[in-house]
Amino acid sequence: MAKNQRYTESRHIALPLPYDRAPGEPVNIGIFNGVALNGGKSGETATVWLDGSYDVTVTGATTPGATVYITPAGALNTTASGNKPWGAAIGTKAAAAGVVEVAPLGRTAPTA
């Protein structure tokens, strides 16, 4: 067994926060998309969950499977322009803006 292993599955990892986050708020750090478990101030290290689904606030109406984007400031919306894909809306019907169940993408492929 490798003695240098840090995480066995990398589903919940410690990363430096790019902006202040409260527990349960969405986070995008490079190719990682998840939810801050314990929150913290910008630059502090926090545990980020990359799996599961979460009830989060999204600006804009969603439909099941729709892409949810994250702004550079950490807010979620349904607008692609200037934002990064963060997760996929979950549910059985369309939802108006507000609290929506979303599954974060976890790790995404780096872009050029």
Protein backbone atom coordinates (compact mmCIF):
# COMPACT_ATOMS: atom_id res chain seq x y z
CA MET A 1 0.00 0.00 0.00
CA ALA A 2 1.24 3.46 -0.85
CA LYS A 3 2.27 5.40 2.24
CA ASN A 4 1.82 8.74 0.51
CA GLN A 5 -1.96 8.45 -0.03
CA ARG A 6 -3.98 11.36 1.37
CA TYR A 7 -7.57 10.54 0.31
CA THR A 8 -8.95 7.15 -0.68
CA GLU A 9 -11.76 8.43 -2.92
CA SER A 10 -11.39 12.25 -3.03
CA ARG A 11 -15.10 12.84 -2.47
CA HIS A 12 -14.57 15.20 0.47
CA ILE A 13 -11.37 17.20 0.22
CA ALA A 14 -9.74 20.19 1.94
CA LEU A 15 -9.24 23.22 -0.30
CA PRO A 16 -8.56 26.95 0.21
CA LEU A 17 -11.75 28.96 -0.22
CA PRO A 18 -11.71 31.58 -3.01
CA TYR A 19 -14.40 33.65 -1.21
CA ASP A 20 -16.16 33.66 2.16
CA ARG A 21 -18.54 30.70 2.49
CA ALA A 22 -21.05 29.61 5.09
CA PRO A 23 -21.62 25.88 5.65
CA GLY A 24 -23.70 24.45 2.80
CA GLU A 25 -22.85 27.15 0.25
CA PRO A 26 -21.56 26.28 -3.24
CA VAL A 27 -17.87 26.53 -4.09
CA ASN A 28 -15.86 26.46 -7.32
CA ILE A 29 -12.11 26.10 -6.99
CA GLY A 30 -10.46 25.51 -10.36
CA ILE A 31 -11.82 22.17 -11.63
CA PHE A 32 -13.54 21.36 -8.31
CA ASN A 33 -17.26 22.06 -7.76
CA GLY A 34 -18.85 21.25 -4.44
CA VAL A 35 -20.38 22.49 -1.22
CA ALA A 36 -18.48 23.89 1.75
CA LEU A 37 -19.01 21.57 4.71
CA ASN A 38 -17.72 23.86 7.45
CA GLY A 39 -17.41 27.18 5.61
CA GLY A 40 -14.82 29.85 6.32
CA LYS A 41 -13.22 33.06 5.14
CA SER A 42 -11.51 33.60 1.79
CA GLY A 43 -8.11 31.86 1.81
CA GLU A 44 -8.95 29.55 4.71
CA THR A 45 -8.94 25.82 4.14
CA ALA A 46 -12.35 24.16 4.29
CA THR A 47 -13.72 20.70 3.62
CA VAL A 48 -15.55 20.65 0.30
CA TRP A 49 -17.99 17.86 -0.53
CA LEU A 50 -17.83 16.97 -4.23
CA ASP A 51 -20.65 14.42 -4.23
CA GLY A 52 -24.30 14.23 -3.21
CA SER A 53 -27.10 16.70 -3.88
CA TYR A 54 -27.97 19.87 -2.02
CA ASP A 55 -30.82 22.35 -1.67
CA VAL A 56 -29.20 25.59 -2.85
CA THR A 57 -30.46 28.97 -4.05
CA VAL A 58 -30.42 29.35 -7.83
CA THR A 59 -31.33 32.51 -9.73
CA GLY A 60 -33.41 31.60 -12.80
CA ALA A 61 -35.89 28.82 -13.50
CA THR A 62 -34.58 25.26 -13.84
CA THR A 63 -35.76 21.98 -15.31
CA PRO A 64 -34.57 18.48 -14.37
CA GLY A 65 -31.08 17.91 -15.72
CA ALA A 66 -30.48 21.58 -16.55
CA THR A 67 -26.99 22.95 -16.03
CA VAL A 68 -26.57 25.26 -13.05
CA TYR A 69 -23.70 27.75 -13.29
CA ILE A 70 -21.58 29.47 -10.65
CA THR A 71 -20.50 33.10 -10.89
CA PRO A 72 -16.96 34.29 -10.05
CA ALA A 73 -18.41 35.48 -6.70
CA GLY A 74 -19.93 32.07 -5.87
CA ALA A 75 -23.63 32.62 -6.66
CA LEU A 76 -25.60 30.01 -8.63
CA ASN A 77 -27.73 30.83 -11.66
CA THR A 78 -28.89 29.48 -15.02
CA THR A 79 -26.79 31.83 -17.16
CA ALA A 80 -23.77 30.40 -18.99
CA SER A 81 -22.25 33.73 -20.07
CA GLY A 82 -19.23 34.54 -17.90
CA ASN A 83 -19.91 31.67 -15.50
CA LYS A 84 -18.66 28.10 -15.03
CA PRO A 85 -20.85 24.97 -15.05
CA TRP A 86 -21.29 23.91 -11.41
CA GLY A 87 -23.96 21.21 -11.27
CA ALA A 88 -27.20 19.75 -12.57
CA ALA A 89 -30.70 20.50 -11.32
CA ILE A 90 -32.57 17.50 -9.94
CA GLY A 91 -36.30 16.99 -9.64
CA THR A 92 -39.32 15.76 -11.50
CA LYS A 93 -40.63 19.10 -12.77
CA ALA A 94 -39.58 22.62 -13.65
CA ALA A 95 -38.79 24.92 -10.72
CA ALA A 96 -38.89 28.69 -10.44
CA ALA A 97 -35.90 30.63 -9.12
CA GLY A 98 -35.22 29.94 -5.46
CA VAL A 99 -34.12 26.87 -3.55
CA VAL A 100 -33.54 23.96 -5.92
CA GLU A 101 -31.97 20.52 -5.44
CA VAL A 102 -28.70 20.44 -7.36
CA ALA A 103 -25.95 17.83 -7.69
CA PRO A 104 -22.51 19.46 -8.03
CA LEU A 105 -20.31 18.22 -10.87
CA GLY A 106 -17.50 17.37 -8.44
CA ARG A 107 -14.37 17.37 -10.60
CA THR A 108 -14.56 18.72 -14.12
CA ALA A 109 -12.14 18.45 -17.02
CA PRO A 110 -9.67 21.32 -17.25
CA THR A 111 -10.35 23.75 -20.08
CA ALA A 112 -7.79 25.37 -22.34
